Amino acid sequence: MTFLEPSGRTAMRHALRALLLIPLVVACGDRSRGVSGGTVIIGASADADALLPGIVRSIQGRAASELIFDRIADIGPALNTVGDSGFVPRLAKSWRWSGDSLALTLQFDPAATWHDGTPVKSTDYAFALRLVRDPALASSITADLAAIDSISTPDAATAVVHFAQRDAEQFYAATLLTPIPEHIFGSIAPTEIRTHAASAAPVGSGRFRFVSWEPNVRLELAAVPDHYRGGPSIDRVIFARSPDVTSGLARVWAAESDFWEPLTPDVLPEAARHPHVRVVSGPGFDYGFAVFNLQSPGAPTRAHPILGDRALRRVLTMAIDRDAIRRTIFDSLASTGLGPFVRAQATADTTVIQIPFDSAAATSALDSLGWRIGRDGIRTRNGRPLRLALLTPTSSAIRGRAAVLQEQWRKIGVDARIEGVEFQAFLARLNGGQFDVALHAWRTTPSARGIRSTWGSSAISGNSIQNAGKYASGQFDAAVVRGLNASTLRERRAHLRLAYQTIIDDAPAIWLYEVKNAAAVHQRYVIPSWRSDAWWMTLGDWTVDPAQRLPRDAPPTTP
């Protein structure tokens, strides 16, 4: 998981709703119908950090890399990570498990080749594991492959993945490892790979091949017409860097680029003024919350003098109208938060019981807890005022959310004082536990595994933004472990539901919202489906309405 600072401001509701009622057109690419081909220009405010699997970290890098390189299999639309149900064959055309489920045999598609014509071999897959586990490479996915013990290659078309122990996400882990061409990178020292020319112009196995990259300006990919899975419907993909969001969106409004994401509510009224722009949205993987520090900022071995009280945290949660915050800030581009998960995850549970919004009950509960209202409207108990510092990054959008919390708490006698600091200082304060309440956010993945590092007791070790509030619950930890070790999705959901309910009841945070993915797309594209976790994974099947073709949609004249 990575820290995320989503942005968004109040939008004009009627324009927003009108845009979101535009349906996503569903159709399949079919060159015989004359709707294929074309060039899609993807606008981005940042460049790719890398293109080679195993060292990519940014969203822009992932999008380009996952178009250039095929995995052994792709997660299905249900985004299930338990077992192999729903996964779609890619480089591995088939697979089978050993009787004890500790070995996975993959049969590679004999028609699969690298873009230079060399066959993709099982040894490329084994080479990728050795490479990403080399400390010199400092790969970003090493921890995700912990379940894999080794990979053997009986022949060029067969790879056997050996696991150290049974795990419900063994297959998912195996698909996170992308084969890398050993005939190109095998002779390059891992210490040199990140800066080597071969990494900046990679030879891949996907439906698009690398063409050119001018860093911070333009990255171009081209279709592979004779790809083993079938050529893509789009001829070219161009990632065009813009210096900022404003200029990037201006290019979309002027039809100079075809795609921009993410969108925030404040830009939707402008999008509505351009008939060629369609807004597409779907479930996202970002969720925001207000985290309580359960330890004393000045004495981390002691409980927080106010927030260490579970009953008080529940009262503070009860006083917040989360639905109103979601509507005010995001309108229809977010859902009200339910817990440390998002609805797009296969293990999500929308039936967990929430602490209800009830300001009258919150007021009565504070009275019963001994917090008395003073002449200044602030409550005190034993001489201590009910005063909390609300830490936020210095972003107008984030401060706006803090102001809503501040006002709703003020109504029940809580003195919440907003402390806005620049982003690096914000991270430092989280790392050091120097806060009372902080507005925080996470980007999760289809797997629920990251919940251990963000809310589990094992993440409480020294200074870290992982579990910054220092929440610790044996019941929560045990339910998470049982859930992650479950062999079926049904069992995993049951155990994780207990974990979710436990943490919601303990109220170490107020889960405020989960943001939907929203993008501006040129109206001429027919989009077959929208992947919540990675919109670009269906890009090869986008098609162009022949009646709306632009000059740049003409077939490329160079290979």
Protein backbone atom coordinates (compact mmCIF):
# COMPACT_ATOMS: atom_id res chain seq x y z
CA MET A 1 0.00 0.00 0.00
CA THR A 2 1.09 3.57 -0.61
CA PHE A 3 0.07 6.83 0.95
CA LEU A 4 -2.43 8.74 -1.07
CA GLU A 5 -3.67 12.30 -0.91
CA PRO A 6 -6.81 12.39 -3.02
CA SER A 7 -8.21 15.77 -3.92
CA GLY A 8 -11.68 17.06 -4.69
CA ARG A 9 -13.99 20.02 -4.04
CA THR A 10 -17.70 20.69 -4.18
CA ALA A 11 -19.10 20.42 -7.70
CA MET A 12 -22.20 21.76 -9.39
CA ARG A 13 -24.53 18.89 -8.61
CA HIS A 14 -26.77 19.05 -11.67
CA ALA A 15 -23.86 19.07 -14.09
CA LEU A 16 -22.24 16.20 -12.18
CA ARG A 17 -25.33 14.04 -12.22
CA ALA A 18 -25.91 14.70 -15.90
CA LEU A 19 -22.39 13.54 -16.68
CA LEU A 20 -22.55 10.45 -14.54
CA LEU A 21 -25.75 9.35 -16.24
CA ILE A 22 -23.86 8.94 -19.52
CA PRO A 23 -23.54 5.14 -19.91
CA LEU A 24 -20.40 3.21 -20.65
CA VAL A 25 -20.88 1.82 -24.14
CA VAL A 26 -20.23 -1.91 -24.27
CA ALA A 27 -19.00 -3.41 -27.52
CA CYS A 28 -16.29 -5.72 -28.75
CA GLY A 29 -13.48 -4.71 -31.06
CA ASP A 30 -14.20 -5.90 -34.58
CA ARG A 31 -11.98 -4.75 -37.44
CA SER A 32 -14.47 -6.14 -39.96
CA ARG A 33 -17.00 -3.56 -38.79
CA GLY A 34 -14.59 -0.72 -39.56
CA VAL A 35 -14.48 0.62 -36.01
CA SER A 36 -10.95 -0.48 -35.14
CA GLY A 37 -7.62 1.29 -35.35
CA GLY A 38 -6.86 4.79 -34.21
CA THR A 39 -4.52 6.48 -31.80
CA VAL A 40 -5.36 7.14 -28.17
CA ILE A 41 -3.47 9.96 -26.43
CA ILE A 42 -3.33 9.46 -22.67
CA GLY A 43 -2.78 12.69 -20.76
CA ALA A 44 -0.78 12.46 -17.53
CA SER A 45 0.61 14.93 -15.02
CA ALA A 46 3.62 12.69 -14.32
CA ASP A 47 5.96 10.57 -16.39
CA ALA A 48 6.50 6.83 -16.01
CA ASP A 49 9.19 6.10 -13.44
CA ALA A 50 10.24 2.90 -15.26
CA LEU A 51 8.96 0.39 -17.84
CA LEU A 52 10.47 -2.88 -16.66
CA PRO A 53 8.33 -5.15 -14.43
CA GLY A 54 9.73 -5.51 -10.95
CA ILE A 55 11.07 -1.97 -10.70
CA VAL A 56 7.95 -0.01 -11.67
CA ARG A 57 6.29 1.89 -8.83
CA SER A 58 4.18 4.70 -10.34
CA ILE A 59 0.71 4.39 -11.85
CA GLN A 60 2.00 5.79 -15.16
CA GLY A 61 4.81 3.25 -15.18
CA ARG A 62 2.43 0.42 -14.39
CA ALA A 63 0.07 1.37 -17.21
CA ALA A 64 2.82 1.38 -19.84
CA SER A 65 4.63 -1.67 -18.47
CA GLU A 66 1.49 -3.79 -18.28
CA LEU A 67 0.66 -2.97 -21.90
CA ILE A 68 4.18 -3.92 -23.02
CA PHE A 69 4.53 -7.10 -20.91
CA ASP A 70 2.06 -9.96 -20.48
CA ARG A 71 1.75 -11.80 -17.19
CA ILE A 72 1.29 -15.57 -16.95
CA ALA A 73 -2.41 -14.96 -16.19
CA ASP A 74 -4.64 -11.97 -15.55
CA ILE A 75 -7.04 -11.49 -12.67
CA GLY A 76 -10.66 -11.69 -13.83
CA PRO A 77 -13.29 -8.94 -13.62
CA ALA A 78 -14.43 -10.13 -10.18
CA LEU A 79 -10.90 -9.30 -8.89
CA ASN A 80 -10.85 -12.50 -6.86
CA THR A 81 -7.41 -13.23 -5.40
CA VAL A 82 -8.29 -16.49 -3.62
CA GLY A 83 -7.36 -19.65 -5.50
CA ASP A 84 -7.29 -19.44 -9.29
CA SER A 85 -11.00 -18.94 -9.96
CA GLY A 86 -11.68 -16.30 -12.56
CA PHE A 87 -8.07 -15.86 -13.71
CA VAL A 88 -7.64 -15.61 -17.48
CA PRO A 89 -4.73 -17.38 -19.26
CA ARG A 90 -2.06 -15.17 -20.76
CA LEU A 91 1.51 -16.45 -21.31
CA ALA A 92 0.51 -19.60 -19.44
CA LYS A 93 -2.18 -21.23 -21.54
CA SER A 94 -2.98 -23.76 -18.79
CA TRP A 95 -1.94 -24.84 -15.31
CA ARG A 96 -2.45 -27.61 -12.79
CA TRP A 97 -1.84 -28.07 -9.06
CA SER A 98 -0.05 -30.86 -7.26
CA GLY A 99 -2.03 -32.96 -4.78
CA ASP A 100 -0.63 -31.08 -1.80
CA SER A 101 -1.13 -27.65 -3.50
CA LEU A 102 2.55 -26.81 -2.96
CA ALA A 103 3.47 -26.97 -6.65
CA LEU A 104 1.88 -25.18 -9.59
CA THR A 105 2.76 -26.41 -13.09
CA LEU A 106 2.41 -23.82 -15.85
CA GLN A 107 2.30 -24.64 -19.56
CA PHE A 108 3.47 -21.69 -21.61
CA ASP A 109 1.74 -20.87 -24.88
CA PRO A 110 4.09 -22.00 -27.69
CA ALA A 111 2.84 -19.13 -29.88
CA ALA A 112 3.98 -16.47 -27.37
CA THR A 113 7.05 -14.52 -28.45
CA TRP A 114 8.98 -11.50 -27.33
CA HIS A 115 8.66 -8.48 -29.58
CA ASP A 116 12.01 -9.31 -31.18
CA GLY A 117 10.62 -12.69 -32.30
CA THR A 118 12.34 -14.83 -29.65
CA PRO A 119 9.97 -17.40 -28.06
CA VAL A 120 8.87 -16.74 -24.51
CA LYS A 121 10.26 -19.56 -22.38
CA SER A 122 9.64 -20.90 -18.92
CA THR A 123 13.22 -19.93 -18.10
CA ASP A 124 12.26 -16.27 -18.59
CA TYR A 125 9.80 -16.68 -15.74
CA ALA A 126 12.38 -18.34 -13.48
CA PHE A 127 14.89 -15.63 -14.42
CA ALA A 128 12.41 -12.93 -13.36
CA LEU A 129 12.17 -14.47 -9.87
CA ARG A 130 15.95 -14.56 -9.47
CA LEU A 131 16.19 -10.98 -10.68
CA VAL A 132 13.54 -9.41 -8.45
CA ARG A 133 14.95 -11.24 -5.42
CA ASP A 134 18.43 -9.85 -5.99
CA PRO A 135 18.92 -7.16 -3.30
CA ALA A 136 20.86 -5.06 -5.79
CA LEU A 137 17.69 -4.52 -7.84
CA ALA A 138 15.64 -3.35 -4.83
CA SER A 139 12.43 -4.59 -6.47
CA SER A 140 9.11 -3.23 -5.31
CA ILE A 141 7.38 -6.65 -5.49
CA THR A 142 9.79 -8.84 -3.52
CA ALA A 143 7.54 -8.97 -0.46
CA ASP A 144 4.53 -9.92 -2.61
CA LEU A 145 6.35 -13.07 -3.73
CA ALA A 146 7.16 -14.37 -0.25
CA ALA A 147 4.93 -17.43 -0.75
CA ILE A 148 7.08 -18.63 -3.67
CA ASP A 149 10.00 -20.83 -2.69
CA SER A 150 11.48 -21.46 -6.14
CA ILE A 151 10.70 -22.08 -9.81
CA SER A 152 11.99 -25.09 -11.76
CA THR A 153 11.88 -25.47 -15.54
CA PRO A 154 11.68 -29.11 -16.75
CA ASP A 155 11.58 -27.82 -20.34
CA ALA A 156 11.25 -24.56 -22.25
CA ALA A 157 7.45 -24.70 -22.17
CA THR A 158 6.97 -25.81 -18.56
CA ALA A 159 7.55 -23.98 -15.30
CA VAL A 160 6.85 -25.44 -11.87
CA VAL A 161 6.29 -22.91 -9.09
CA HIS A 162 7.17 -24.38 -5.69
CA PHE A 163 5.59 -22.85 -2.60
CA ALA A 164 6.99 -22.97 0.93
CA GLN A 165 3.53 -23.40 2.42
CA ARG A 166 -0.11 -23.38 1.43
CA ASP A 167 -1.62 -19.94 1.01
CA ALA A 168 -4.99 -18.87 -0.35
CA GLU A 169 -3.28 -16.36 -2.66
CA GLN A 170 -0.57 -18.63 -4.06
CA PHE A 171 -1.82 -18.27 -7.61
CA TYR A 172 -2.30 -14.51 -7.26
CA ALA A 173 1.31 -14.21 -6.05
CA ALA A 174 2.49 -16.27 -9.03
CA THR A 175 0.73 -13.88 -11.43
CA LEU A 176 2.39 -10.84 -9.87
CA LEU A 177 5.70 -12.13 -11.21
CA THR A 178 6.02 -11.11 -14.86
CA PRO A 179 8.43 -13.01 -17.16
CA ILE A 180 11.41 -10.90 -18.27
CA PRO A 181 13.47 -11.78 -21.40
CA GLU A 182 16.58 -13.52 -20.11
CA HIS A 183 18.28 -13.34 -23.50
CA ILE A 184 18.33 -9.54 -23.09
CA PHE A 185 18.73 -8.94 -19.36
CA GLY A 186 20.58 -12.08 -18.32
CA SER A 187 23.96 -10.51 -19.14
CA ILE A 188 23.22 -7.19 -17.37
CA ALA A 189 24.27 -6.84 -13.74
CA PRO A 190 21.29 -6.15 -11.44
CA THR A 191 23.05 -3.02 -10.21
CA GLU A 192 22.94 -1.64 -13.77
CA ILE A 193 19.45 -2.66 -14.84
CA ARG A 194 17.61 0.44 -13.62
CA THR A 195 19.76 2.75 -15.73
CA HIS A 196 20.49 0.41 -18.64
CA ALA A 197 19.26 1.35 -22.13
CA ALA A 198 17.43 -1.99 -22.40
CA SER A 199 15.17 -1.02 -19.50
CA ALA A 200 14.26 2.30 -21.08
CA ALA A 201 13.36 0.66 -24.42
CA PRO A 202 12.13 -2.77 -23.31
CA VAL A 203 11.35 -5.77 -25.48
CA GLY A 204 8.11 -7.14 -24.08
CA SER A 205 5.50 -9.81 -24.76
CA GLY A 206 2.25 -7.83 -24.60
CA ARG A 207 -0.17 -6.65 -27.26
CA PHE A 208 1.68 -3.33 -27.55
CA ARG A 209 5.39 -2.87 -28.23
CA PHE A 210 7.67 -0.04 -27.21
CA VAL A 211 8.32 2.63 -29.89
CA SER A 212 9.93 5.65 -28.25
CA TRP A 213 10.23 7.55 -24.97
CA GLU A 214 11.15 11.19 -24.54
CA PRO A 215 11.22 11.48 -20.72
CA ASN A 216 8.72 13.95 -19.27
CA VAL A 217 7.30 14.60 -22.75
CA ARG A 218 5.98 11.57 -24.63
CA LEU A 219 5.95 7.77 -24.51
CA GLU A 220 4.66 5.88 -27.56
CA LEU A 221 3.56 2.27 -27.96
CA ALA A 222 2.36 0.49 -31.11
CA ALA A 223 0.05 -2.46 -31.69
CA VAL A 224 1.48 -5.93 -32.27
CA PRO A 225 -0.85 -7.11 -35.08
CA ASP A 226 0.31 -10.74 -35.02
CA HIS A 227 0.24 -11.09 -31.24
CA TYR A 228 -0.39 -14.62 -29.99
CA ARG A 229 -3.59 -13.47 -28.24
CA GLY A 230 -4.74 -11.47 -31.24
CA GLY A 231 -3.77 -7.97 -32.27
CA PRO A 232 -5.28 -5.05 -30.35
CA SER A 233 -7.99 -2.87 -31.88
CA ILE A 234 -6.08 0.35 -31.15
CA ASP A 235 -3.09 1.10 -33.43
CA ARG A 236 -1.09 3.38 -31.16
CA VAL A 237 -1.01 4.50 -27.53
CA ILE A 238 0.71 7.77 -26.63
CA PHE A 239 1.28 8.89 -23.06
CA ALA A 240 1.62 12.69 -23.21
CA ARG A 241 3.01 14.47 -20.15
CA SER A 242 1.45 17.78 -19.11
CA PRO A 243 3.19 20.08 -16.61
CA ASP A 244 0.09 20.28 -14.41
CA VAL A 245 -3.54 19.19 -14.15
CA THR A 246 -4.93 22.45 -15.53
CA SER A 247 -2.94 22.29 -18.76
CA GLY A 248 -3.59 18.55 -19.07
CA LEU A 249 -7.34 19.03 -18.84
CA ALA A 250 -7.18 21.96 -21.26
CA ARG A 251 -5.80 19.56 -23.87
CA VAL A 252 -8.74 17.22 -23.24
CA TRP A 253 -11.26 20.07 -23.60
CA ALA A 254 -9.54 21.05 -26.89
CA ALA A 255 -9.61 17.42 -28.15
CA GLU A 256 -5.81 17.42 -28.32
CA SER A 257 -5.70 14.41 -26.00
CA ASP A 258 -8.23 11.65 -25.44
CA PHE A 259 -8.02 10.58 -21.82
CA TRP A 260 -7.38 12.03 -18.36
CA GLU A 261 -7.76 10.58 -14.90
CA PRO A 262 -8.48 11.02 -12.10
CA LEU A 263 -11.19 13.64 -12.31
CA THR A 264 -12.38 15.61 -9.30
CA PRO A 265 -15.89 17.03 -8.87
CA ASP A 266 -14.81 20.63 -9.43
CA VAL A 267 -13.85 19.97 -13.09
CA LEU A 268 -17.03 18.12 -14.07
CA PRO A 269 -19.08 21.24 -14.88
CA GLU A 270 -16.38 22.18 -17.41
CA ALA A 271 -16.42 18.67 -18.86
CA ALA A 272 -20.17 19.00 -19.38
CA ARG A 273 -19.56 21.98 -21.67
CA HIS A 274 -17.63 19.86 -24.18
CA PRO A 275 -19.86 17.45 -26.17
CA HIS A 276 -16.88 15.33 -27.26
CA VAL A 277 -16.02 14.47 -23.62
CA ARG A 278 -17.58 11.51 -21.84
CA VAL A 279 -17.03 10.87 -18.13
CA VAL A 280 -16.55 7.22 -17.19
CA SER A 281 -16.48 6.14 -13.55
CA GLY A 282 -16.23 2.94 -11.56
CA PRO A 283 -15.27 1.63 -8.12
CA GLY A 284 -11.86 2.71 -6.89
CA PHE A 285 -9.23 1.47 -4.45
CA ASP A 286 -8.60 4.68 -2.47
CA TYR A 287 -10.20 5.21 0.93
CA GLY A 288 -9.88 8.15 3.29
CA PHE A 289 -10.23 8.28 7.05
CA ALA A 290 -9.55 10.28 10.20
CA VAL A 291 -7.16 8.21 12.30
CA PHE A 292 -7.01 8.56 16.10
CA ASN A 293 -3.67 8.33 17.88
CA LEU A 294 -4.19 5.76 20.62
CA GLN A 295 -0.84 6.53 22.23
CA SER A 296 0.23 9.72 23.99
CA PRO A 297 2.23 11.91 21.57
CA GLY A 298 4.66 12.87 24.32
CA ALA A 299 4.91 9.44 25.92
CA PRO A 300 4.35 6.64 23.39
CA THR A 301 4.42 3.94 26.05
CA ARG A 302 1.25 5.39 27.57
CA ALA A 303 -2.29 5.54 26.23
CA HIS A 304 -3.50 8.82 24.80
CA PRO A 305 -5.14 10.77 27.66
CA ILE A 306 -8.30 11.33 25.61
CA LEU A 307 -8.28 9.00 22.62
CA GLY A 308 -7.09 5.99 24.57
CA ASP A 309 -10.72 5.69 25.73
CA ARG A 310 -12.60 3.38 23.35
CA ALA A 311 -15.98 4.71 24.49
CA LEU A 312 -14.94 8.28 23.69
CA ARG A 313 -13.67 7.32 20.24
CA ARG A 314 -17.04 5.77 19.50
CA VAL A 315 -18.74 9.00 20.60
CA LEU A 316 -16.49 11.07 18.36
CA THR A 317 -17.38 8.75 15.48
CA MET A 318 -21.08 8.98 16.28
CA ALA A 319 -20.93 12.77 16.02
CA ILE A 320 -19.75 12.76 12.40
CA ASP A 321 -22.22 12.69 9.51
CA ARG A 322 -20.05 10.76 7.05
CA ASP A 323 -22.72 10.73 4.36
CA ALA A 324 -22.93 14.53 4.45
CA ILE A 325 -19.15 14.83 4.18
CA ARG A 326 -19.10 12.51 1.19
CA ARG A 327 -21.92 14.39 -0.55
CA THR A 328 -20.46 17.82 0.16
CA ILE A 329 -16.93 17.05 -0.98
CA PHE A 330 -17.32 14.36 -3.65
CA ASP A 331 -21.01 14.28 -4.54
CA SER A 332 -21.42 11.13 -6.67
CA LEU A 333 -17.69 10.51 -7.17
CA ALA A 334 -17.30 8.70 -3.85
CA SER A 335 -19.11 6.31 -1.56
CA THR A 336 -19.33 6.59 2.20
CA GLY A 337 -16.53 4.64 3.85
CA LEU A 338 -17.38 1.37 5.55
CA GLY A 339 -14.05 0.29 7.06
CA PRO A 340 -10.44 -0.50 6.14
CA PHE A 341 -11.45 -1.89 2.73
CA VAL A 342 -13.14 -0.80 -0.48
CA ARG A 343 -16.19 -2.21 -2.19
CA ALA A 344 -14.17 -3.24 -5.27
CA GLN A 345 -12.34 -5.91 -3.27
CA ALA A 346 -13.79 -9.40 -3.54
CA THR A 347 -13.57 -9.71 0.27
CA ALA A 348 -15.50 -6.49 0.94
CA ASP A 349 -18.50 -6.76 3.23
CA THR A 350 -21.11 -4.03 3.00
CA THR A 351 -23.21 -5.56 5.80
CA VAL A 352 -20.82 -4.75 8.65
CA ILE A 353 -22.63 -2.77 11.34
CA GLN A 354 -21.56 0.88 11.48
CA ILE A 355 -21.48 3.27 14.42
CA PRO A 356 -24.50 5.37 13.45
CA PHE A 357 -24.52 9.15 13.10
CA ASP A 358 -26.49 10.49 16.06
CA SER A 359 -25.35 13.82 17.50
CA ALA A 360 -28.01 13.75 20.24
CA ALA A 361 -26.84 10.32 21.42
CA ALA A 362 -23.23 11.52 21.23
CA THR A 363 -24.09 14.47 23.46
CA SER A 364 -25.79 12.22 26.03
CA ALA A 365 -22.86 9.78 25.94
CA LEU A 366 -20.36 12.56 26.68
CA ASP A 367 -22.46 13.58 29.67
CA SER A 368 -22.45 10.02 30.97
CA LEU A 369 -18.67 9.79 30.48
CA GLY A 370 -18.21 12.82 32.73
CA TRP A 371 -17.37 15.41 30.09
CA ARG A 372 -19.18 18.58 31.21
CA ILE A 373 -19.99 21.50 28.95
CA GLY A 374 -18.42 24.83 29.94
CA ARG A 375 -19.43 28.44 29.37
CA ASP A 376 -17.24 28.55 26.30
CA GLY A 377 -19.05 25.53 24.84
CA ILE A 378 -16.06 23.22 25.35
CA ARG A 379 -16.32 20.15 27.53
CA THR A 380 -13.90 19.30 30.31
CA ARG A 381 -13.35 16.36 32.64
CA ASN A 382 -11.19 16.56 35.77
CA GLY A 383 -9.81 19.87 34.57
CA ARG A 384 -8.81 18.58 31.11
CA PRO A 385 -10.53 20.23 28.12
CA LEU A 386 -11.84 18.02 25.34
CA ARG A 387 -9.34 19.53 22.91
CA LEU A 388 -7.77 17.73 19.96
CA ALA A 389 -5.29 18.78 17.28
CA LEU A 390 -6.51 17.78 13.81
CA LEU A 391 -3.45 17.25 11.58
CA THR A 392 -3.76 17.71 7.80
CA PRO A 393 -1.49 18.37 4.83
CA THR A 394 -1.66 21.95 3.54
CA SER A 395 -4.09 21.16 0.74
CA SER A 396 -7.23 23.21 0.36
CA ALA A 397 -9.24 20.05 -0.35
CA ILE A 398 -7.94 18.22 2.71
CA ARG A 399 -8.40 21.27 4.94
CA GLY A 400 -11.97 21.52 3.72
CA ARG A 401 -12.64 18.03 5.05
CA ALA A 402 -10.96 18.94 8.31
CA ALA A 403 -13.18 22.01 8.64
CA VAL A 404 -16.31 19.84 8.34
CA LEU A 405 -15.06 17.52 11.10
CA GLN A 406 -14.13 20.50 13.23
CA GLU A 407 -17.62 22.01 12.95
CA GLN A 408 -19.47 18.76 13.63
CA TRP A 409 -17.35 18.08 16.72
CA ARG A 410 -17.81 21.66 17.91
CA LYS A 411 -21.56 21.04 18.09
CA ILE A 412 -21.05 18.43 20.83
CA GLY A 413 -18.45 20.43 22.76
CA VAL A 414 -15.17 19.22 21.21
CA ASP A 415 -12.46 21.81 20.53
CA ALA A 416 -10.75 20.48 17.38
CA ARG A 417 -7.97 22.74 16.17
CA ILE A 418 -6.73 22.26 12.61
CA GLU A 419 -2.97 22.03 12.14
CA GLY A 420 -2.06 22.24 8.46
CA VAL A 421 1.53 21.37 7.60
CA GLU A 422 3.37 20.74 4.33
CA PHE A 423 3.32 17.16 3.12
CA GLN A 424 6.76 16.00 4.23
CA ALA A 425 6.18 17.47 7.68
CA PHE A 426 2.81 15.71 7.74
CA LEU A 427 4.50 12.36 7.05
CA ALA A 428 7.14 13.09 9.70
CA ARG A 429 4.44 13.82 12.29
CA LEU A 430 2.67 10.57 11.40
CA ASN A 431 5.95 8.66 11.58
CA GLY A 432 6.71 10.05 15.01
CA GLY A 433 3.20 9.71 16.41
CA GLN A 434 3.06 13.48 16.97
CA PHE A 435 -0.65 14.04 16.43
CA ASP A 436 -4.06 13.54 18.02
CA VAL A 437 -6.20 13.04 14.92
CA ALA A 438 -4.93 13.00 11.33
CA LEU A 439 -6.70 13.00 7.98
CA HIS A 440 -5.14 10.10 6.18
CA ALA A 441 -5.77 7.90 3.11
CA TRP A 442 -4.65 4.59 1.65
CA ARG A 443 -4.64 3.03 -1.79
CA THR A 444 -5.34 -0.66 -1.43
CA THR A 445 -5.29 -3.52 -3.97
CA PRO A 446 -7.62 -6.36 -4.98
CA SER A 447 -6.00 -8.42 -2.21
CA ALA A 448 -6.94 -7.81 1.42
CA ARG A 449 -3.43 -8.78 2.51
CA GLY A 450 -2.31 -5.20 3.05
CA ILE A 451 -4.65 -4.81 6.01
CA ARG A 452 -2.00 -6.39 8.25
CA SER A 453 0.54 -3.67 7.47
CA THR A 454 -1.92 -0.81 7.84
CA TRP A 455 -4.01 -1.82 10.86
CA GLY A 456 -2.39 -4.92 12.37
CA SER A 457 -0.44 -5.01 15.64
CA SER A 458 2.60 -6.33 13.78
CA ALA A 459 2.89 -2.97 12.00
CA ILE A 460 3.50 -1.15 15.31
CA SER A 461 7.27 -1.02 15.32
CA GLY A 462 9.13 2.22 15.76
CA ASN A 463 8.24 5.23 13.64
CA SER A 464 6.04 4.47 10.67
CA ILE A 465 2.97 5.74 8.87
CA GLN A 466 1.88 2.09 8.76
CA ASN A 467 -0.75 1.82 11.49
CA ALA A 468 0.14 5.37 12.54
CA GLY A 469 -2.57 5.36 15.21
CA LYS A 470 -1.01 2.29 16.93
CA TYR A 471 -4.21 0.26 16.94
CA ALA A 472 -3.68 -3.15 18.56
CA SER A 473 -6.30 -5.87 18.94
CA GLY A 474 -5.63 -9.57 19.38
CA GLN A 475 -9.13 -10.40 18.15
CA PHE A 476 -8.65 -8.31 15.00
CA ASP A 477 -5.22 -9.80 14.30
CA ALA A 478 -6.45 -13.36 14.76
CA ALA A 479 -9.44 -12.86 12.47
CA VAL A 480 -7.21 -11.32 9.80
CA VAL A 481 -4.76 -14.23 9.95
CA ARG A 482 -7.58 -16.77 9.72
CA GLY A 483 -9.09 -14.85 6.82
CA LEU A 484 -5.88 -14.57 4.87
CA ASN A 485 -5.13 -18.25 5.43
CA ALA A 486 -8.61 -19.39 4.39
CA SER A 487 -8.67 -21.74 1.41
CA THR A 488 -11.93 -20.44 -0.10
CA LEU A 489 -13.30 -16.99 -0.79
CA ARG A 490 -16.37 -17.76 1.34
CA GLU A 491 -14.24 -18.63 4.37
CA ARG A 492 -12.01 -15.62 3.82
CA ARG A 493 -15.01 -13.30 3.73
CA ALA A 494 -16.42 -14.78 6.95
CA HIS A 495 -13.20 -14.31 8.92
CA LEU A 496 -12.47 -10.87 7.49
CA ARG A 497 -16.00 -9.79 8.31
CA LEU A 498 -15.21 -10.48 11.97
CA ALA A 499 -11.99 -8.49 11.61
CA TYR A 500 -13.84 -5.58 9.99
CA GLN A 501 -16.56 -5.60 12.62
CA THR A 502 -13.98 -5.70 15.42
CA ILE A 503 -12.06 -2.70 14.17
CA ILE A 504 -15.22 -0.71 13.42
CA ASP A 505 -16.47 -1.35 16.96
CA ASP A 506 -13.11 -0.33 18.44
CA ALA A 507 -13.18 2.92 16.42
CA PRO A 508 -9.44 3.58 15.95
CA ALA A 509 -10.49 5.72 12.97
CA ILE A 510 -13.50 7.19 11.24
CA TRP A 511 -13.77 5.77 7.73
CA LEU A 512 -15.03 8.74 5.74
CA TYR A 513 -15.13 7.85 2.05
CA GLU A 514 -13.85 5.69 -0.77
CA VAL A 515 -13.19 7.49 -4.03
CA LYS A 516 -14.51 6.25 -7.35
CA ASN A 517 -12.27 6.18 -10.41
CA ALA A 518 -13.45 8.84 -12.83
CA ALA A 519 -11.89 9.69 -16.18
CA ALA A 520 -12.57 11.98 -19.11
CA VAL A 521 -12.59 10.04 -22.40
CA HIS A 522 -13.11 11.28 -25.94
CA GLN A 523 -16.60 10.42 -27.13
CA ARG A 524 -15.37 8.57 -30.25
CA TYR A 525 -14.07 5.59 -28.24
CA VAL A 526 -16.19 2.52 -27.68
CA ILE A 527 -15.00 0.94 -24.41
CA PRO A 528 -15.87 -2.73 -23.79
CA SER A 529 -15.31 -2.79 -20.04
CA TRP A 530 -13.73 -0.83 -17.21
CA ARG A 531 -11.28 -2.42 -14.78
CA SER A 532 -11.50 -0.91 -11.29
CA ASP A 533 -7.92 -1.79 -10.44
CA ALA A 534 -6.30 -0.92 -13.78
CA TRP A 535 -8.33 0.82 -16.49
CA TRP A 536 -5.56 0.29 -19.10
CA MET A 537 -5.95 -3.49 -19.06
CA THR A 538 -8.85 -3.29 -21.55
CA LEU A 539 -7.24 -0.58 -23.70
CA GLY A 540 -6.33 -3.04 -26.45
CA ASP A 541 -10.04 -3.68 -27.03
CA TRP A 542 -11.08 -0.03 -27.31
CA THR A 543 -12.38 0.87 -30.75
CA VAL A 544 -13.08 4.11 -32.62
CA ASP A 545 -16.48 5.07 -33.98
CA PRO A 546 -15.76 5.49 -37.73
CA ALA A 547 -18.11 8.49 -37.92
CA GLN A 548 -15.96 10.35 -35.36
CA ARG A 549 -12.46 9.46 -36.54
CA LEU A 550 -9.84 12.19 -36.26
CA PRO A 551 -6.82 12.71 -38.55
CA ARG A 552 -4.55 11.15 -35.94
CA ASP A 553 -6.56 7.93 -36.16
CA ALA A 554 -5.11 7.18 -39.60
CA PRO A 555 -3.02 3.98 -39.63
CA PRO A 556 0.62 4.64 -38.75
CA THR A 557 2.98 4.81 -41.73
CA THR A 558 5.97 3.42 -39.82
CA PRO A 559 6.28 -0.03 -38.19
